Amino acid sequence: MNTVLPVNLGGRSYDIIIGPGLHQGIGDLLAPLNIGKKVLLVNNPRVGRLYRQTVEQALQQRGYGVTVAEVPDSEEAKSIQQAARLYDVMFDAAMDRNSAVLALGGGVVGDLAGFVAATYMRGVPFVQIPTTLLAMVDSSVGGKVAVNHPQGKNIIGAFYQPKLVLADTDTLASLDKRDVLSGLAEVIKAALIKDADFFNWLEENIHRVLALETQSLQKIIELSCRIKARVVESDETEQGLRAILNYGHTVGHGIETLSGYGIYRHGEAVAMGMVAEARLALQLGLLTEADVERIEKLLENCGLPTAVPKGINARHLLASMYKDKKVLDGLLTFALPDGIGRAVIKRDIPEQLILNTFN
């Protein structure tokens, strides 16, 4: 049974469709969007081997002309150089302003393809077809698209909403364990910032999720997407409330930058960031010791890392965080839990308190 979640953003509204077997019907699902008949299908080699043929054939059956572009299977694909290569592919295929870019893959493919869609001819239609748990619950929803810069993650980007998000849950069976856990970190984050009952459910049922039980997976994807959709509806371009979605990311992005993109999965870095930032929240009186223990225990029960890697110098990590796009007027910005199921934005926190969380 498919779930349809609307994201209400006026003229930029779209649906998130969650369920099994969506790839086979993608041509029918795109038809109501009134996009052009030329589409660019972006994927990486691994995803391409698994799903490209099914998606391509389903599109062709509805009369779409498909141009396929493969990008590297790593965070390195999120670069200006890869974006430029995709522009070349689109020009060579004579794609116009009604031609659509389809992102078939995880967050890297979605971010890169979305950035290209946002900037080619000042914006062409964009469809997210996430194939990882992380992309389904986080990066495919909300319209953040970007490429990386050597000095920081997601520094060059835009807010650009997709026309549709198709989360085919059949793809989750092909994920390796680290990819599943990386997605779970963002699921836990969503519960922590907005839904205490969901967090309680995760504590009691995480074994079902780790066993990839179909109903449990459908539940966590639906609830996570619902949380993110409601936040994005309230603050599409992150002027206020939406910043709470960055819980764990200020420290997490610093870890990713210093360790080298690809050493840690995004969710692994966010898990480490969530624990560090929970300890910061404890110092600020937002959380109790018991709250921090619950957060750390749930992440550990998933098999996620919870400590900043020993090879990362604390002051280097702090310096890296100052290069993050969330810095405003020279002040670090943190989304911190204010109890389980709530979050607040904090700035101008003494550096020593931040450094204390890395030990």
Protein backbone atom coordinates (compact mmCIF):
# COMPACT_ATOMS: atom_id res chain seq x y z
CA MET A 1 0.00 0.00 0.00
CA ASN A 2 1.49 3.31 -1.08
CA THR A 3 1.54 6.38 1.16
CA VAL A 4 1.19 9.83 -0.39
CA LEU A 5 2.42 12.78 1.68
CA PRO A 6 1.84 16.25 0.23
CA VAL A 7 4.41 18.98 0.83
CA ASN A 8 2.39 22.20 0.72
CA LEU A 9 4.48 25.06 -0.65
CA GLY A 10 2.04 26.92 -2.84
CA GLY A 11 3.19 26.84 -6.46
CA ARG A 12 6.14 24.64 -5.49
CA SER A 13 4.04 21.94 -3.79
CA TYR A 14 4.70 18.29 -4.54
CA ASP A 15 3.94 14.79 -3.31
CA ILE A 16 6.17 12.25 -1.60
CA ILE A 17 5.04 8.76 -2.62
CA ILE A 18 6.30 5.89 -0.43
CA GLY A 19 5.79 2.22 -1.18
CA PRO A 20 6.97 -0.88 -3.05
CA GLY A 21 7.15 -1.27 -6.82
CA LEU A 22 7.13 2.41 -7.70
CA HIS A 23 9.92 2.12 -10.28
CA GLN A 24 7.76 -0.01 -12.57
CA GLY A 25 5.08 2.68 -12.70
CA ILE A 26 7.27 5.77 -12.89
CA GLY A 27 6.11 6.74 -16.36
CA ASP A 28 2.49 6.87 -15.21
CA LEU A 29 3.45 8.82 -12.09
CA LEU A 30 5.33 11.45 -14.11
CA ALA A 31 2.59 11.94 -16.68
CA PRO A 32 0.47 14.36 -14.57
CA LEU A 33 3.48 16.65 -14.08
CA ASN A 34 3.36 17.89 -17.69
CA ILE A 35 7.12 17.84 -18.10
CA GLY A 36 8.89 17.53 -21.44
CA LYS A 37 9.53 14.21 -23.12
CA LYS A 38 13.31 14.48 -22.80
CA VAL A 39 14.70 13.46 -19.42
CA LEU A 40 18.17 13.11 -17.96
CA LEU A 41 18.48 10.09 -15.67
CA VAL A 42 21.42 10.53 -13.28
CA ASN A 43 22.74 7.53 -11.34
CA ASN A 44 25.96 5.88 -10.25
CA PRO A 45 27.27 2.53 -11.56
CA ARG A 46 26.04 0.45 -8.62
CA VAL A 47 22.51 1.85 -8.64
CA GLY A 48 22.50 1.72 -12.42
CA ARG A 49 23.17 -2.01 -12.44
CA LEU A 50 20.30 -2.62 -10.03
CA TYR A 51 17.55 -0.26 -11.15
CA ARG A 52 18.35 1.72 -14.27
CA GLN A 53 16.90 -0.71 -16.78
CA THR A 54 13.57 -0.96 -14.96
CA VAL A 55 13.23 2.81 -14.65
CA GLU A 56 14.42 3.50 -18.18
CA GLN A 57 12.01 1.00 -19.73
CA ALA A 58 9.07 2.30 -17.67
CA LEU A 59 9.83 5.82 -18.91
CA GLN A 60 10.24 4.77 -22.52
CA GLN A 61 6.92 2.94 -22.44
CA ARG A 62 5.26 6.30 -21.75
CA GLY A 63 7.13 8.00 -24.58
CA TYR A 64 9.98 9.64 -22.68
CA GLY A 65 13.35 9.91 -24.37
CA VAL A 66 15.94 9.00 -21.74
CA THR A 67 19.54 10.18 -21.64
CA VAL A 68 21.55 8.39 -18.95
CA ALA A 69 24.47 9.99 -17.12
CA GLU A 70 26.58 8.06 -14.61
CA VAL A 71 28.50 9.82 -11.85
CA PRO A 72 31.05 8.38 -9.40
CA ASP A 73 29.78 6.32 -6.48
CA SER A 74 31.21 8.59 -3.81
CA GLU A 75 30.88 12.02 -2.19
CA GLU A 76 33.47 13.20 -4.74
CA ALA A 77 30.66 13.27 -7.30
CA LYS A 78 29.28 16.38 -5.60
CA SER A 79 31.61 18.79 -7.36
CA ILE A 80 31.46 21.71 -9.77
CA GLN A 81 33.40 19.57 -12.25
CA GLN A 82 30.75 16.83 -12.25
CA ALA A 83 28.00 19.42 -12.54
CA ALA A 84 29.73 20.92 -15.59
CA ARG A 85 29.93 17.47 -17.18
CA LEU A 86 26.18 16.99 -16.72
CA TYR A 87 25.52 20.40 -18.30
CA ASP A 88 27.48 19.18 -21.33
CA VAL A 89 25.38 16.02 -21.52
CA MET A 90 22.19 18.06 -21.42
CA PHE A 91 23.37 20.47 -24.11
CA ASP A 92 24.43 17.57 -26.33
CA ALA A 93 20.96 16.02 -25.91
CA ALA A 94 19.32 19.34 -26.86
CA MET A 95 17.42 19.51 -23.58
CA ASP A 96 15.30 22.59 -23.05
CA ARG A 97 13.65 24.35 -20.09
CA ASN A 98 10.89 21.73 -19.93
CA SER A 99 13.27 18.76 -19.90
CA ALA A 100 13.48 17.05 -16.53
CA VAL A 101 16.40 15.82 -14.44
CA LEU A 102 15.71 12.58 -12.58
CA ALA A 103 17.96 11.60 -9.65
CA LEU A 104 18.06 7.81 -9.22
CA GLY A 105 20.22 7.02 -6.21
CA GLY A 106 21.24 8.23 -2.80
CA GLY A 107 21.86 11.66 -1.39
CA VAL A 108 24.97 12.37 -3.43
CA VAL A 109 23.17 11.77 -6.72
CA GLY A 110 20.13 13.72 -5.52
CA ASP A 111 22.15 16.72 -4.37
CA LEU A 112 24.23 16.88 -7.56
CA ALA A 113 21.34 16.27 -9.97
CA GLY A 114 19.20 18.78 -8.09
CA PHE A 115 21.93 21.40 -8.29
CA VAL A 116 22.19 20.84 -12.04
CA ALA A 117 18.39 21.05 -12.41
CA ALA A 118 18.31 24.29 -10.41
CA THR A 119 20.96 25.97 -12.54
CA TYR A 120 20.56 24.59 -16.09
CA MET A 121 18.70 27.30 -18.05
CA ARG A 122 17.85 28.88 -14.66
CA GLY A 123 15.87 25.85 -13.58
CA VAL A 124 14.28 22.78 -15.14
CA PRO A 125 11.90 20.18 -13.62
CA PHE A 126 13.48 17.85 -11.08
CA VAL A 127 12.34 14.47 -9.73
CA GLN A 128 13.88 12.63 -6.79
CA ILE A 129 13.94 8.81 -6.93
CA PRO A 130 15.85 7.95 -3.73
CA THR A 131 17.22 4.43 -3.37
CA THR A 132 18.74 4.66 0.13
CA LEU A 133 17.08 5.05 3.51
CA LEU A 134 19.07 8.23 4.16
CA ALA A 135 17.90 9.84 0.94
CA MET A 136 14.28 8.75 1.49
CA VAL A 137 14.00 10.25 4.96
CA ASP A 138 16.19 13.30 4.53
CA SER A 139 18.00 14.60 1.45
CA SER A 140 15.25 13.94 -1.13
CA VAL A 141 12.72 16.01 0.82
CA GLY A 142 12.85 19.75 1.28
CA GLY A 143 14.60 21.11 -1.78
CA LYS A 144 18.16 21.56 -0.57
CA VAL A 145 20.54 20.89 -3.48
CA ALA A 146 24.28 21.47 -3.48
CA VAL A 147 27.81 20.51 -4.37
CA ASN A 148 30.82 20.51 -2.07
CA HIS A 149 33.86 22.75 -1.93
CA PRO A 150 37.23 21.61 -0.56
CA GLN A 151 36.69 24.00 2.36
CA GLY A 152 33.24 22.73 3.29
CA LYS A 153 30.31 20.46 2.60
CA ASN A 154 27.28 21.73 0.62
CA ILE A 155 28.69 25.25 0.41
CA ILE A 156 27.57 25.85 -3.20
CA GLY A 157 23.86 25.24 -3.66
CA ALA A 158 20.27 26.40 -3.73
CA PHE A 159 16.79 25.79 -2.41
CA TYR A 160 15.05 24.06 -5.32
CA GLN A 161 12.02 21.88 -4.81
CA PRO A 162 11.44 18.68 -6.78
CA LYS A 163 8.25 18.08 -8.73
CA LEU A 164 7.87 14.65 -7.12
CA VAL A 165 9.65 12.29 -4.72
CA LEU A 166 9.27 8.54 -5.37
CA ALA A 167 10.58 6.38 -2.51
CA ASP A 168 10.43 2.76 -3.71
CA THR A 169 10.94 0.75 -0.53
CA ASP A 170 11.94 -2.35 -2.52
CA THR A 171 15.38 -0.78 -2.98
CA LEU A 172 16.16 -0.97 0.74
CA ALA A 173 16.79 -4.73 0.48
CA SER A 174 19.92 -4.03 -1.59
CA LEU A 175 21.58 -1.73 0.96
CA ASP A 176 24.57 -2.79 3.00
CA LYS A 177 24.36 -2.46 6.78
CA ARG A 178 26.31 0.81 6.99
CA ASP A 179 23.94 2.47 4.52
CA VAL A 180 20.90 1.35 6.54
CA LEU A 181 22.45 2.66 9.75
CA SER A 182 23.37 5.95 8.10
CA GLY A 183 19.71 6.47 7.28
CA LEU A 184 18.66 5.51 10.79
CA ALA A 185 20.75 8.34 12.23
CA GLU A 186 18.56 10.85 10.38
CA VAL A 187 15.42 9.00 11.49
CA ILE A 188 16.51 9.28 15.13
CA LYS A 189 17.34 12.95 14.59
CA ALA A 190 13.84 13.63 13.26
CA ALA A 191 12.26 11.99 16.30
CA LEU A 192 14.55 13.84 18.71
CA ILE A 193 13.75 17.29 17.38
CA LYS A 194 10.00 16.94 16.86
CA ASP A 195 8.30 13.76 18.11
CA ALA A 196 8.90 12.26 21.55
CA ASP A 197 6.41 9.44 20.92
CA PHE A 198 8.32 8.45 17.79
CA PHE A 199 11.58 8.42 19.78
CA ASN A 200 9.96 6.19 22.41
CA TRP A 201 8.73 3.86 19.65
CA LEU A 202 12.24 3.64 18.20
CA GLU A 203 13.68 2.72 21.60
CA GLU A 204 11.19 -0.14 21.90
CA ASN A 205 11.22 -1.33 18.28
CA ILE A 206 14.69 -0.66 16.92
CA HIS A 207 15.29 -4.43 16.63
CA ARG A 208 12.38 -4.63 14.16
CA VAL A 209 13.82 -1.81 12.09
CA LEU A 210 17.28 -3.39 12.07
CA ALA A 211 15.67 -6.64 10.89
CA LEU A 212 14.25 -4.61 7.95
CA GLU A 213 10.66 -5.55 8.75
CA THR A 214 8.52 -4.08 5.99
CA GLN A 215 5.92 -2.40 8.21
CA SER A 216 8.56 -0.92 10.50
CA LEU A 217 10.52 0.50 7.57
CA GLN A 218 7.39 2.00 6.04
CA LYS A 219 6.53 3.56 9.41
CA ILE A 220 9.90 5.21 10.00
CA ILE A 221 10.07 6.58 6.45
CA GLU A 222 6.55 7.97 6.64
CA LEU A 223 6.99 9.57 10.07
CA SER A 224 10.40 11.03 9.22
CA CYS A 225 9.15 12.49 5.93
CA ARG A 226 6.05 13.86 7.65
CA ILE A 227 8.21 15.63 10.26
CA LYS A 228 10.52 17.11 7.64
CA ALA A 229 7.63 18.12 5.36
CA ARG A 230 5.87 20.02 8.13
CA VAL A 231 9.08 21.83 9.11
CA VAL A 232 9.84 22.75 5.48
CA GLU A 233 6.30 24.02 4.97
CA SER A 234 6.79 26.39 7.90
CA ASP A 235 10.22 27.63 6.81
CA GLU A 236 11.19 26.67 3.27
CA THR A 237 14.46 28.61 3.04
CA GLU A 238 15.73 28.12 6.58
CA GLN A 239 15.10 31.56 8.02
CA GLY A 240 14.13 30.15 11.40
CA LEU A 241 12.42 26.87 12.35
CA ARG A 242 13.94 24.76 9.56
CA ALA A 243 17.36 25.14 11.16
CA ILE A 244 16.32 22.57 13.78
CA LEU A 245 16.83 19.93 11.08
CA ASN A 246 20.56 20.62 11.42
CA TYR A 247 20.81 18.93 14.82
CA GLY A 248 24.03 16.88 14.76
CA HIS A 249 25.16 18.48 11.52
CA THR A 250 27.34 21.34 12.75
CA VAL A 251 29.78 18.90 14.36
CA GLY A 252 28.97 16.15 11.83
CA HIS A 253 29.89 18.22 8.79
CA GLY A 254 33.14 19.21 10.49
CA ILE A 255 33.98 15.54 11.00
CA GLU A 256 33.23 14.78 7.35
CA THR A 257 35.38 17.67 6.14
CA LEU A 258 38.40 16.90 8.33
CA SER A 259 38.34 13.13 7.86
CA GLY A 260 37.92 13.38 4.09
CA TYR A 261 34.58 12.89 2.36
CA GLY A 262 33.66 9.23 2.16
CA ILE A 263 35.57 7.95 5.19
CA TYR A 264 32.40 8.14 7.26
CA ARG A 265 28.90 7.81 5.92
CA HIS A 266 26.90 11.02 6.38
CA GLY A 267 24.67 9.40 9.01
CA GLU A 268 27.69 8.10 10.93
CA ALA A 269 29.11 11.62 11.15
CA VAL A 270 25.69 13.00 12.16
CA ALA A 271 25.41 10.33 14.91
CA MET A 272 28.73 11.46 16.36
CA GLY A 273 27.58 15.05 16.01
CA MET A 274 24.28 14.35 17.77
CA VAL A 275 26.02 12.95 20.83
CA ALA A 276 28.53 15.83 20.98
CA GLU A 277 25.74 18.38 20.57
CA ALA A 278 23.57 16.58 23.15
CA ARG A 279 26.43 17.02 25.61
CA LEU A 280 26.55 20.70 24.68
CA ALA A 281 22.79 20.89 25.35
CA LEU A 282 23.44 19.27 28.73
CA GLN A 283 25.96 21.99 29.63
CA LEU A 284 23.40 24.62 28.65
CA GLY A 285 20.71 23.04 30.82
CA LEU A 286 18.53 21.94 27.90
CA LEU A 287 18.92 18.19 28.50
CA THR A 288 19.34 16.01 31.57
CA GLU A 289 22.00 13.34 32.01
CA ALA A 290 19.25 10.77 31.53
CA ASP A 291 18.26 12.36 28.20
CA VAL A 292 21.84 12.23 26.92
CA GLU A 293 22.16 8.60 28.00
CA ARG A 294 18.96 7.70 26.11
CA ILE A 295 20.22 9.39 22.93
CA GLU A 296 23.62 7.73 23.13
CA LYS A 297 22.15 4.32 23.96
CA LEU A 298 19.73 4.31 21.03
CA LEU A 299 22.49 5.24 18.60
CA GLU A 300 24.76 2.57 20.08
CA ASN A 301 21.98 -0.02 19.85
CA CYS A 302 21.82 0.72 16.15
CA GLY A 303 25.56 0.14 15.82
CA LEU A 304 26.31 3.79 15.05
CA PRO A 305 29.49 5.56 16.23
CA THR A 306 28.96 8.03 19.06
CA ALA A 307 32.40 9.53 19.77
CA VAL A 308 34.39 12.05 17.75
CA PRO A 309 37.26 10.08 16.09
CA LYS A 310 40.44 10.17 18.15
CA GLY A 311 42.47 11.28 15.13
CA ILE A 312 40.56 14.56 14.84
CA ASN A 313 42.02 17.44 16.82
CA ALA A 314 39.37 19.30 18.81
CA ARG A 315 40.57 22.77 17.87
CA HIS A 316 40.87 21.79 14.20
CA LEU A 317 37.30 20.53 14.36
CA LEU A 318 36.13 23.79 15.90
CA ALA A 319 37.96 25.78 13.21
CA SER A 320 36.34 23.66 10.49
CA MET A 321 32.91 24.33 11.96
CA TYR A 322 33.46 28.08 11.51
CA LYS A 323 33.62 27.48 7.74
CA ASP A 324 30.16 25.92 7.78
CA LYS A 325 27.36 27.72 5.93
CA LYS A 326 25.37 27.84 9.19
CA VAL A 327 27.78 30.44 10.62
CA LEU A 328 26.08 33.85 10.83
CA ASP A 329 27.99 37.04 11.65
CA GLY A 330 30.91 34.95 12.81
CA LEU A 331 28.80 32.96 15.29
CA LEU A 332 28.35 29.19 15.19
CA THR A 333 24.74 28.11 14.94
CA PHE A 334 23.59 24.95 16.73
CA ALA A 335 20.25 23.16 16.61
CA LEU A 336 20.05 21.55 20.03
CA PRO A 337 17.48 19.26 21.64
CA ASP A 338 15.47 20.94 24.37
CA GLY A 339 14.28 17.71 25.93
CA ILE A 340 13.28 14.65 23.88
CA GLY A 341 11.04 15.70 20.98
CA ARG A 342 11.85 19.42 20.94
CA ALA A 343 14.68 21.57 19.62
CA VAL A 344 15.91 25.16 19.77
CA ILE A 345 18.48 27.24 17.93
CA LYS A 346 21.46 28.54 19.92
CA ARG A 347 24.23 30.96 18.93
CA ASP A 348 27.07 32.72 20.72
CA ILE A 349 28.01 29.67 22.81
CA PRO A 350 31.38 29.95 24.58
CA GLU A 351 34.04 28.04 22.64
CA GLN A 352 35.25 26.19 25.72
CA LEU A 353 31.80 24.63 26.19
CA ILE A 354 31.93 23.42 22.59
CA LEU A 355 35.43 22.01 23.02
CA ASN A 356 34.32 20.18 26.17
CA THR A 357 31.89 18.10 24.11
CA PHE A 358 34.62 16.57 21.95
CA ASN A 359 36.37 14.77 24.83
